[in-house]
Amino acid sequence: MRKKEVLVDKREYKDMVLFSYSTRHLLKKDKVRFYYALKGRDGKSGIVKLCKIDHLGRAVLLVPVKFAQEVEEFL
């Protein structure tokens, strides 16, 4: 039992916010602009990289609390 207790104590938990969004209302050209801003034109330099966001699914983002306000304004 002691080993299990030690493993649990060593875990690091981070405060995160889960965002979901929809692009259904956007025109195709606006969706492209949105995704470029989100992921960057090269797939690496957008707000996802800047704010250390985990892109969990098609329209779901896991964001550290310290960047939540910035991401909420972006969305």
Protein backbone atom coordinates (compact mmCIF):
# COMPACT_ATOMS: atom_id res chain seq x y z
CA MET A 1 0.00 0.00 0.00
CA ARG A 2 2.79 2.44 0.69
CA LYS A 3 4.03 2.27 -2.89
CA LYS A 4 0.61 3.29 -4.19
CA GLU A 5 0.49 6.22 -1.78
CA VAL A 6 3.90 7.42 -2.93
CA LEU A 7 2.91 7.23 -6.61
CA VAL A 8 -0.23 9.26 -6.02
CA ASP A 9 1.67 11.92 -4.09
CA LYS A 10 4.22 12.41 -6.90
CA ARG A 11 1.65 13.24 -9.56
CA GLU A 12 1.45 16.83 -10.67
CA TYR A 13 -1.99 18.23 -11.34
CA LYS A 14 -2.51 21.38 -13.36
CA ASP A 15 -5.56 23.62 -13.42
CA MET A 16 -7.04 23.47 -16.91
CA VAL A 17 -10.14 24.76 -18.69
CA LEU A 18 -11.98 22.75 -21.35
CA PHE A 19 -13.28 24.72 -24.35
CA SER A 20 -15.48 23.45 -27.14
CA TYR A 21 -16.32 25.45 -30.24
CA SER A 22 -18.25 25.19 -33.47
CA THR A 23 -17.38 26.47 -36.94
CA ARG A 24 -20.70 25.56 -38.58
CA HIS A 25 -21.74 29.19 -38.86
CA LEU A 26 -18.55 30.23 -40.67
CA LEU A 27 -18.03 30.41 -44.41
CA LYS A 28 -15.34 28.11 -45.80
CA LYS A 29 -12.84 30.96 -46.23
CA ASP A 30 -13.45 32.08 -42.63
CA LYS A 31 -12.94 28.51 -41.36
CA VAL A 32 -9.55 28.45 -43.07
CA ARG A 33 -8.62 31.76 -41.43
CA PHE A 34 -9.80 30.47 -38.06
CA TYR A 35 -7.73 27.29 -38.32
CA TYR A 36 -4.66 29.23 -39.46
CA ALA A 37 -4.99 31.44 -36.38
CA LEU A 38 -5.57 28.38 -34.20
CA LYS A 39 -2.78 26.12 -35.50
CA GLY A 40 -0.71 28.47 -37.66
CA ARG A 41 -0.10 28.19 -41.40
CA ASP A 42 2.68 25.70 -40.78
CA GLY A 43 0.64 23.74 -38.23
CA LYS A 44 2.91 24.82 -35.39
CA SER A 45 2.85 28.58 -34.82
CA GLY A 46 -0.74 29.40 -33.87
CA ILE A 47 -2.42 30.10 -30.56
CA VAL A 48 -2.29 26.37 -29.73
CA LYS A 49 1.50 26.50 -29.50
CA LEU A 50 1.62 29.98 -27.97
CA CYS A 51 -0.71 29.09 -25.07
CA LYS A 52 0.41 25.46 -24.62
CA ILE A 53 -3.02 24.10 -25.53
CA ASP A 54 -3.84 20.42 -25.91
CA HIS A 55 -6.10 19.92 -28.94
CA LEU A 56 -8.16 16.97 -27.68
CA GLY A 57 -10.49 16.54 -30.61
CA ARG A 58 -12.11 18.12 -33.62
CA ALA A 59 -13.50 21.09 -31.67
CA VAL A 60 -12.20 20.61 -28.12
CA LEU A 61 -9.28 22.42 -26.47
CA LEU A 62 -7.72 21.86 -23.06
CA VAL A 63 -6.20 25.15 -21.94
CA PRO A 64 -4.08 26.04 -18.88
CA VAL A 65 -6.01 28.40 -16.59
CA LYS A 66 -3.49 31.22 -17.04
CA PHE A 67 -4.32 31.34 -20.79
CA ALA A 68 -8.09 30.80 -20.45
CA GLN A 69 -9.05 34.46 -20.81
CA GLU A 70 -6.93 34.90 -23.93
CA VAL A 71 -8.37 31.77 -25.56
CA GLU A 72 -11.93 32.74 -24.64
CA GLU A 73 -11.44 36.09 -26.39
CA PHE A 74 -9.98 34.31 -29.42
CA LEU A 75 -12.95 31.97 -29.71
